[in-house]
Amino acid sequence: MRKSSAQKSKAVVLNGPQKILLFNKPFDVLSQFTDESNPENRRQTLKDFIDIPEVYAAGRLDRDSEGLLVLTNDGQLQAKITQPDAKTSKTYWVQVEGVPTESNLNKLRKGVKLKDGLTLPAKIEIMIDPDIWPRNPPIRERANIPTTWLSITITEGRNRQVRRMTAHIGFPTLRLIRYRVGSWTIDGIDNGSYKLL
């Protein structure tokens, strides 16, 4: 059944003033407030870290990824961040196994064909190791294989897209941190902490 315009606008009406919350999500935390699929052995959720009522994640960040998760009570803002047409850019700091060449990275800059289609061109730079919190548990590193940190900016949000992109060119992702969404970053926000704007 199609919603009338009155119903559509009701769906994005704020309950009180607009809230925007920036959360630096730790590894192994679900980007939702409940873990209904696993009641016997509950995993950590946003509820373990965030005590602000009526805010919801604008988009997802996989359980095995870390970094910036934007939460809000504003449905229009949530849609702007998550809908592909809005093309909100997101920057990830990605630790990969091995040392990709510029030729390898150029493939991602042009777009690569994944199972769900061609990716849009990505902005990619090799970066110095970021000054970040230790991951618990630490990543699996092999003594004889170096790792490289990349800064990858994309405007899409396909499922596990960055991991699939680096695997496609032969450099598996070992650690993935979302640093930026639009104009917001995790600067000044400790891992496991949030900032209310």
C-alpha atoms as a PDB file:
ATOM      1  CA  MET A   1       0.000   0.000   0.000  1.00  0.00           C
ATOM      2  CA  ARG A   2       1.408   3.398  -0.966  1.00  0.00           C
ATOM      3  CA  LYS A   3       1.872   5.963   1.766  1.00  0.00           C
ATOM      4  CA  SER A   4       0.200   9.315   1.383  1.00  0.00           C
ATOM      5  CA  SER A   5       2.427  12.404   1.541  1.00  0.00           C
ATOM      6  CA  ALA A   6       1.098  13.073   5.054  1.00  0.00           C
ATOM      7  CA  GLN A   7       2.152   9.587   6.156  1.00  0.00           C
ATOM      8  CA  LYS A   8       5.545   9.973   4.503  1.00  0.00           C
ATOM      9  CA  SER A   9       6.276  13.232   6.294  1.00  0.00           C
ATOM     10  CA  LYS A  10       5.142  11.705   9.589  1.00  0.00           C
ATOM     11  CA  ALA A  11       7.793   9.001   9.227  1.00  0.00           C
ATOM     12  CA  VAL A  12      10.589  11.575   9.497  1.00  0.00           C
ATOM     13  CA  VAL A  13       9.111  13.898  12.133  1.00  0.00           C
ATOM     14  CA  LEU A  14      11.566  14.341  14.994  1.00  0.00           C
ATOM     15  CA  ASN A  15      10.594  13.331  18.483  1.00  0.00           C
ATOM     16  CA  GLY A  16      11.913  16.436  20.231  1.00  0.00           C
ATOM     17  CA  PRO A  17      14.981  18.361  19.031  1.00  0.00           C
ATOM     18  CA  GLN A  18      17.330  16.841  16.479  1.00  0.00           C
ATOM     19  CA  LYS A  19      19.978  14.571  17.990  1.00  0.00           C
ATOM     20  CA  ILE A  20      23.181  13.597  16.191  1.00  0.00           C
ATOM     21  CA  LEU A  21      25.581  11.303  17.961  1.00  0.00           C
ATOM     22  CA  LEU A  22      29.030  10.217  16.748  1.00  0.00           C
ATOM     23  CA  PHE A  23      30.136   6.851  18.145  1.00  0.00           C
ATOM     24  CA  ASN A  24      33.578   5.285  17.754  1.00  0.00           C
ATOM     25  CA  LYS A  25      32.477   1.652  17.546  1.00  0.00           C
ATOM     26  CA  PRO A  26      34.850  -0.988  18.899  1.00  0.00           C
ATOM     27  CA  PHE A  27      35.615  -4.268  17.137  1.00  0.00           C
ATOM     28  CA  ASP A  28      33.093  -7.088  17.718  1.00  0.00           C
ATOM     29  CA  VAL A  29      30.176  -4.784  18.619  1.00  0.00           C
ATOM     30  CA  LEU A  30      26.886  -4.999  16.686  1.00  0.00           C
ATOM     31  CA  SER A  31      25.698  -1.704  15.203  1.00  0.00           C
ATOM     32  CA  GLN A  32      22.221  -2.154  16.721  1.00  0.00           C
ATOM     33  CA  PHE A  33      20.759  -1.928  20.220  1.00  0.00           C
ATOM     34  CA  THR A  34      19.578  -5.544  20.585  1.00  0.00           C
ATOM     35  CA  ASP A  35      20.923  -8.996  19.808  1.00  0.00           C
ATOM     36  CA  GLU A  36      17.730 -10.973  19.313  1.00  0.00           C
ATOM     37  CA  SER A  37      19.385 -13.636  17.164  1.00  0.00           C
ATOM     38  CA  ASN A  38      21.607 -14.820  20.001  1.00  0.00           C
ATOM     39  CA  PRO A  39      19.733 -14.506  23.353  1.00  0.00           C
ATOM     40  CA  GLU A  40      21.670 -17.330  25.070  1.00  0.00           C
ATOM     41  CA  ASN A  41      25.072 -15.789  24.397  1.00  0.00           C
ATOM     42  CA  ARG A  42      24.376 -12.087  23.910  1.00  0.00           C
ATOM     43  CA  ARG A  43      26.984 -10.143  21.969  1.00  0.00           C
ATOM     44  CA  GLN A  44      27.886  -6.538  22.733  1.00  0.00           C
ATOM     45  CA  THR A  45      25.540  -4.011  21.140  1.00  0.00           C
ATOM     46  CA  LEU A  46      25.186  -0.234  21.046  1.00  0.00           C
ATOM     47  CA  LYS A  47      23.171  -0.509  24.282  1.00  0.00           C
ATOM     48  CA  ASP A  48      26.407  -1.385  26.121  1.00  0.00           C
ATOM     49  CA  PHE A  49      27.909   1.994  25.186  1.00  0.00           C
ATOM     50  CA  ILE A  50      25.118   4.494  24.435  1.00  0.00           C
ATOM     51  CA  ASP A  51      22.533   5.719  26.946  1.00  0.00           C
ATOM     52  CA  ILE A  52      20.814   8.338  24.757  1.00  0.00           C
ATOM     53  CA  PRO A  53      17.203   7.313  24.006  1.00  0.00           C
ATOM     54  CA  GLU A  54      15.524   7.249  20.585  1.00  0.00           C
ATOM     55  CA  VAL A  55      18.600   7.457  18.352  1.00  0.00           C
ATOM     56  CA  TYR A  56      19.214   4.934  15.607  1.00  0.00           C
ATOM     57  CA  ALA A  57      22.227   4.065  13.500  1.00  0.00           C
ATOM     58  CA  ALA A  58      22.327   5.804  10.125  1.00  0.00           C
ATOM     59  CA  GLY A  59      23.712   2.897   8.150  1.00  0.00           C
ATOM     60  CA  ARG A  60      25.643  -0.064   9.435  1.00  0.00           C
ATOM     61  CA  LEU A  61      29.193  -0.891  10.349  1.00  0.00           C
ATOM     62  CA  ASP A  62      30.013  -4.591  10.332  1.00  0.00           C
ATOM     63  CA  ARG A  63      30.666  -6.313  13.638  1.00  0.00           C
ATOM     64  CA  ASP A  64      34.312  -6.884  12.655  1.00  0.00           C
ATOM     65  CA  SER A  65      34.813  -3.234  11.620  1.00  0.00           C
ATOM     66  CA  GLU A  66      35.574  -0.285  13.890  1.00  0.00           C
ATOM     67  CA  GLY A  67      35.187   3.451  13.876  1.00  0.00           C
ATOM     68  CA  LEU A  68      32.580   6.064  13.120  1.00  0.00           C
ATOM     69  CA  LEU A  69      28.907   5.227  13.392  1.00  0.00           C
ATOM     70  CA  VAL A  70      26.463   8.151  13.132  1.00  0.00           C
ATOM     71  CA  LEU A  71      23.255   7.823  15.153  1.00  0.00           C
ATOM     72  CA  THR A  72      20.304  10.197  14.954  1.00  0.00           C
ATOM     73  CA  ASN A  73      16.592  10.630  15.620  1.00  0.00           C
ATOM     74  CA  ASP A  74      16.225  12.484  12.291  1.00  0.00           C
ATOM     75  CA  GLY A  75      14.786  10.211   9.603  1.00  0.00           C
ATOM     76  CA  GLN A  76      15.662  12.608   6.780  1.00  0.00           C
ATOM     77  CA  LEU A  77      19.296  12.779   7.882  1.00  0.00           C
ATOM     78  CA  GLN A  78      19.377   9.008   8.259  1.00  0.00           C
ATOM     79  CA  ALA A  79      18.130   8.630   4.681  1.00  0.00           C
ATOM     80  CA  LYS A  80      20.650  11.164   3.373  1.00  0.00           C
ATOM     81  CA  ILE A  81      23.529   9.210   4.908  1.00  0.00           C
ATOM     82  CA  THR A  82      22.329   5.762   3.839  1.00  0.00           C
ATOM     83  CA  GLN A  83      20.639   6.153   0.454  1.00  0.00           C
ATOM     84  CA  PRO A  84      22.962   5.466  -2.498  1.00  0.00           C
ATOM     85  CA  ASP A  85      21.507   8.399  -4.489  1.00  0.00           C
ATOM     86  CA  ALA A  86      22.727  10.841  -1.820  1.00  0.00           C
ATOM     87  CA  LYS A  87      26.351   9.760  -2.451  1.00  0.00           C
ATOM     88  CA  THR A  88      27.548  10.672   1.051  1.00  0.00           C
ATOM     89  CA  SER A  89      31.292  10.018   0.996  1.00  0.00           C
ATOM     90  CA  LYS A  90      32.902   7.844   3.653  1.00  0.00           C
ATOM     91  CA  THR A  91      36.617   7.409   4.353  1.00  0.00           C
ATOM     92  CA  TYR A  92      38.029   4.170   5.740  1.00  0.00           C
ATOM     93  CA  TRP A  93      41.460   3.421   7.149  1.00  0.00           C
ATOM     94  CA  VAL A  94      42.236  -0.073   5.932  1.00  0.00           C
ATOM     95  CA  GLN A  95      45.122  -2.307   6.951  1.00  0.00           C
ATOM     96  CA  VAL A  96      45.767  -4.863   4.214  1.00  0.00           C
ATOM     97  CA  GLU A  97      48.063  -7.842   4.008  1.00  0.00           C
ATOM     98  CA  GLY A  98      50.949  -7.167   1.621  1.00  0.00           C
ATOM     99  CA  VAL A  99      52.142  -4.040  -0.160  1.00  0.00           C
ATOM    100  CA  PRO A 100      49.915  -2.967  -3.073  1.00  0.00           C
ATOM    101  CA  THR A 101      51.503  -1.052  -5.943  1.00  0.00           C
ATOM    102  CA  GLU A 102      50.070   2.056  -7.592  1.00  0.00           C
ATOM    103  CA  SER A 103      49.067  -0.237 -10.460  1.00  0.00           C
ATOM    104  CA  ASN A 104      47.035  -2.370  -8.020  1.00  0.00           C
ATOM    105  CA  LEU A 105      45.403   0.695  -6.462  1.00  0.00           C
ATOM    106  CA  ASN A 106      44.607   2.225  -9.864  1.00  0.00           C
ATOM    107  CA  LYS A 107      42.204  -0.663 -10.472  1.00  0.00           C
ATOM    108  CA  LEU A 108      40.154   0.474  -7.481  1.00  0.00           C
ATOM    109  CA  ARG A 109      40.459   4.122  -8.521  1.00  0.00           C
ATOM    110  CA  LYS A 110      38.820   3.204 -11.839  1.00  0.00           C
ATOM    111  CA  GLY A 111      36.234   0.804 -10.362  1.00  0.00           C
ATOM    112  CA  VAL A 112      36.297  -2.986 -10.217  1.00  0.00           C
ATOM    113  CA  LYS A 113      33.663  -5.552 -11.056  1.00  0.00           C
ATOM    114  CA  LEU A 114      32.370  -7.349  -7.964  1.00  0.00           C
ATOM    115  CA  LYS A 115      29.572  -9.943  -7.866  1.00  0.00           C
ATOM    116  CA  ASP A 116      26.991  -7.176  -7.429  1.00  0.00           C
ATOM    117  CA  GLY A 117      28.342  -5.017 -10.248  1.00  0.00           C
ATOM    118  CA  LEU A 118      30.957  -2.391 -11.008  1.00  0.00           C
ATOM    119  CA  THR A 119      32.072  -0.197  -8.115  1.00  0.00           C
ATOM    120  CA  LEU A 120      32.232   3.553  -8.511  1.00  0.00           C
ATOM    121  CA  PRO A 121      35.766   4.995  -8.640  1.00  0.00           C
ATOM    122  CA  ALA A 122      37.372   5.180  -5.196  1.00  0.00           C
ATOM    123  CA  LYS A 123      39.927   7.647  -3.852  1.00  0.00           C
ATOM    124  CA  ILE A 124      42.857   5.681  -2.450  1.00  0.00           C
ATOM    125  CA  GLU A 125      46.169   6.659  -0.902  1.00  0.00           C
ATOM    126  CA  ILE A 126      48.823   4.714   0.955  1.00  0.00           C
ATOM    127  CA  MET A 127      49.066   6.285   4.416  1.00  0.00           C
ATOM    128  CA  ILE A 128      51.490   6.149   7.319  1.00  0.00           C
ATOM    129  CA  ASP A 129      50.366   3.887  10.143  1.00  0.00           C
ATOM    130  CA  PRO A 130      47.665   5.818  12.029  1.00  0.00           C
ATOM    131  CA  ASP A 131      48.006   6.549  15.737  1.00  0.00           C
ATOM    132  CA  ILE A 132      45.072   4.455  16.924  1.00  0.00           C
ATOM    133  CA  TRP A 133      43.877   2.258  19.765  1.00  0.00           C
ATOM    134  CA  PRO A 134      44.986  -1.395  19.930  1.00  0.00           C
ATOM    135  CA  ARG A 135      42.416  -3.859  18.638  1.00  0.00           C
ATOM    136  CA  ASN A 136      41.151  -6.530  21.001  1.00  0.00           C
ATOM    137  CA  PRO A 137      41.841  -9.224  19.920  1.00  0.00           C
ATOM    138  CA  PRO A 138      44.815  -8.167  17.774  1.00  0.00           C
ATOM    139  CA  ILE A 139      44.760  -8.844  14.036  1.00  0.00           C
ATOM    140  CA  ARG A 140      46.336 -12.013  12.678  1.00  0.00           C
ATOM    141  CA  GLU A 141      49.734 -10.984  11.311  1.00  0.00           C
ATOM    142  CA  ARG A 142      52.226 -13.240   9.559  1.00  0.00           C
ATOM    143  CA  ALA A 143      55.832 -12.474  10.413  1.00  0.00           C
ATOM    144  CA  ASN A 144      57.117 -12.761   6.835  1.00  0.00           C
ATOM    145  CA  ILE A 145      54.317 -10.711   5.193  1.00  0.00           C
ATOM    146  CA  PRO A 146      54.270  -6.909   5.677  1.00  0.00           C
ATOM    147  CA  THR A 147      51.047  -4.940   5.984  1.00  0.00           C
ATOM    148  CA  THR A 148      50.045  -1.584   4.487  1.00  0.00           C
ATOM    149  CA  TRP A 149      47.566   1.066   5.641  1.00  0.00           C
ATOM    150  CA  LEU A 150      45.340   2.613   2.971  1.00  0.00           C
ATOM    151  CA  SER A 151      42.942   5.547   3.115  1.00  0.00           C
ATOM    152  CA  ILE A 152      39.941   4.592   0.940  1.00  0.00           C
ATOM    153  CA  THR A 153      37.070   6.984   0.208  1.00  0.00           C
ATOM    154  CA  ILE A 154      33.893   5.687  -1.430  1.00  0.00           C
ATOM    155  CA  THR A 155      30.396   7.070  -2.027  1.00  0.00           C
ATOM    156  CA  GLU A 156      28.616   3.708  -2.006  1.00  0.00           C
ATOM    157  CA  GLY A 157      27.713   1.449   0.877  1.00  0.00           C
ATOM    158  CA  ARG A 158      27.415  -2.070  -0.472  1.00  0.00           C
ATOM    159  CA  ASN A 159      27.691  -4.981   1.934  1.00  0.00           C
ATOM    160  CA  ARG A 160      31.345  -5.433   2.992  1.00  0.00           C
ATOM    161  CA  GLN A 161      32.361  -3.420  -0.049  1.00  0.00           C
ATOM    162  CA  VAL A 162      35.815  -2.230   1.047  1.00  0.00           C
ATOM    163  CA  ARG A 163      36.845  -5.729   2.134  1.00  0.00           C
ATOM    164  CA  ARG A 164      35.671  -7.160  -1.182  1.00  0.00           C
ATOM    165  CA  MET A 165      37.490  -4.444  -3.129  1.00  0.00           C
ATOM    166  CA  THR A 166      40.872  -5.073  -1.484  1.00  0.00           C
ATOM    167  CA  ALA A 167      40.432  -8.860  -1.779  1.00  0.00           C
ATOM    168  CA  HIS A 168      39.614  -8.408  -5.483  1.00  0.00           C
ATOM    169  CA  ILE A 169      43.075  -6.938  -6.129  1.00  0.00           C
ATOM    170  CA  GLY A 170      44.781  -9.596  -3.977  1.00  0.00           C
ATOM    171  CA  PHE A 171      45.304  -7.730  -0.691  1.00  0.00           C
ATOM    172  CA  PRO A 172      42.955  -9.012   2.035  1.00  0.00           C
ATOM    173  CA  THR A 173      41.750  -6.539   4.652  1.00  0.00           C
ATOM    174  CA  LEU A 174      43.055  -7.294   8.146  1.00  0.00           C
ATOM    175  CA  ARG A 175      41.589  -4.287   9.944  1.00  0.00           C
ATOM    176  CA  LEU A 176      38.993  -1.729   8.850  1.00  0.00           C
ATOM    177  CA  ILE A 177      38.233   1.552  10.605  1.00  0.00           C
ATOM    178  CA  ARG A 178      35.657   4.021   9.315  1.00  0.00           C
ATOM    179  CA  TYR A 179      37.293   7.400   9.878  1.00  0.00           C
ATOM    180  CA  ARG A 180      34.796   9.793   8.256  1.00  0.00           C
ATOM    181  CA  VAL A 181      31.135  10.028   7.188  1.00  0.00           C
ATOM    182  CA  GLY A 182      30.347  13.223   5.274  1.00  0.00           C
ATOM    183  CA  SER A 183      31.908  16.043   7.314  1.00  0.00           C
ATOM    184  CA  TRP A 184      32.085  14.077  10.595  1.00  0.00           C
ATOM    185  CA  THR A 185      35.151  12.149  11.793  1.00  0.00           C
ATOM    186  CA  ILE A 186      36.265  10.151  14.837  1.00  0.00           C
ATOM    187  CA  ASP A 187      38.868  12.805  15.725  1.00  0.00           C
ATOM    188  CA  GLY A 188      38.848  13.342  19.503  1.00  0.00           C
ATOM    189  CA  ILE A 189      36.463  10.423  20.201  1.00  0.00           C
ATOM    190  CA  ASP A 190      38.012   7.499  22.073  1.00  0.00           C
ATOM    191  CA  ASN A 191      37.171   4.000  20.899  1.00  0.00           C
ATOM    192  CA  GLY A 192      33.996   2.912  22.710  1.00  0.00           C
ATOM    193  CA  SER A 193      32.977   6.522  23.392  1.00  0.00           C
ATOM    194  CA  TYR A 194      30.540   8.903  21.716  1.00  0.00           C
ATOM    195  CA  LYS A 195      30.058  12.615  21.197  1.00  0.00           C
ATOM    196  CA  LEU A 196      26.618  14.253  21.120  1.00  0.00           C
ATOM    197  CA  LEU A 197      26.604  17.181  18.689  1.00  0.00           C
END
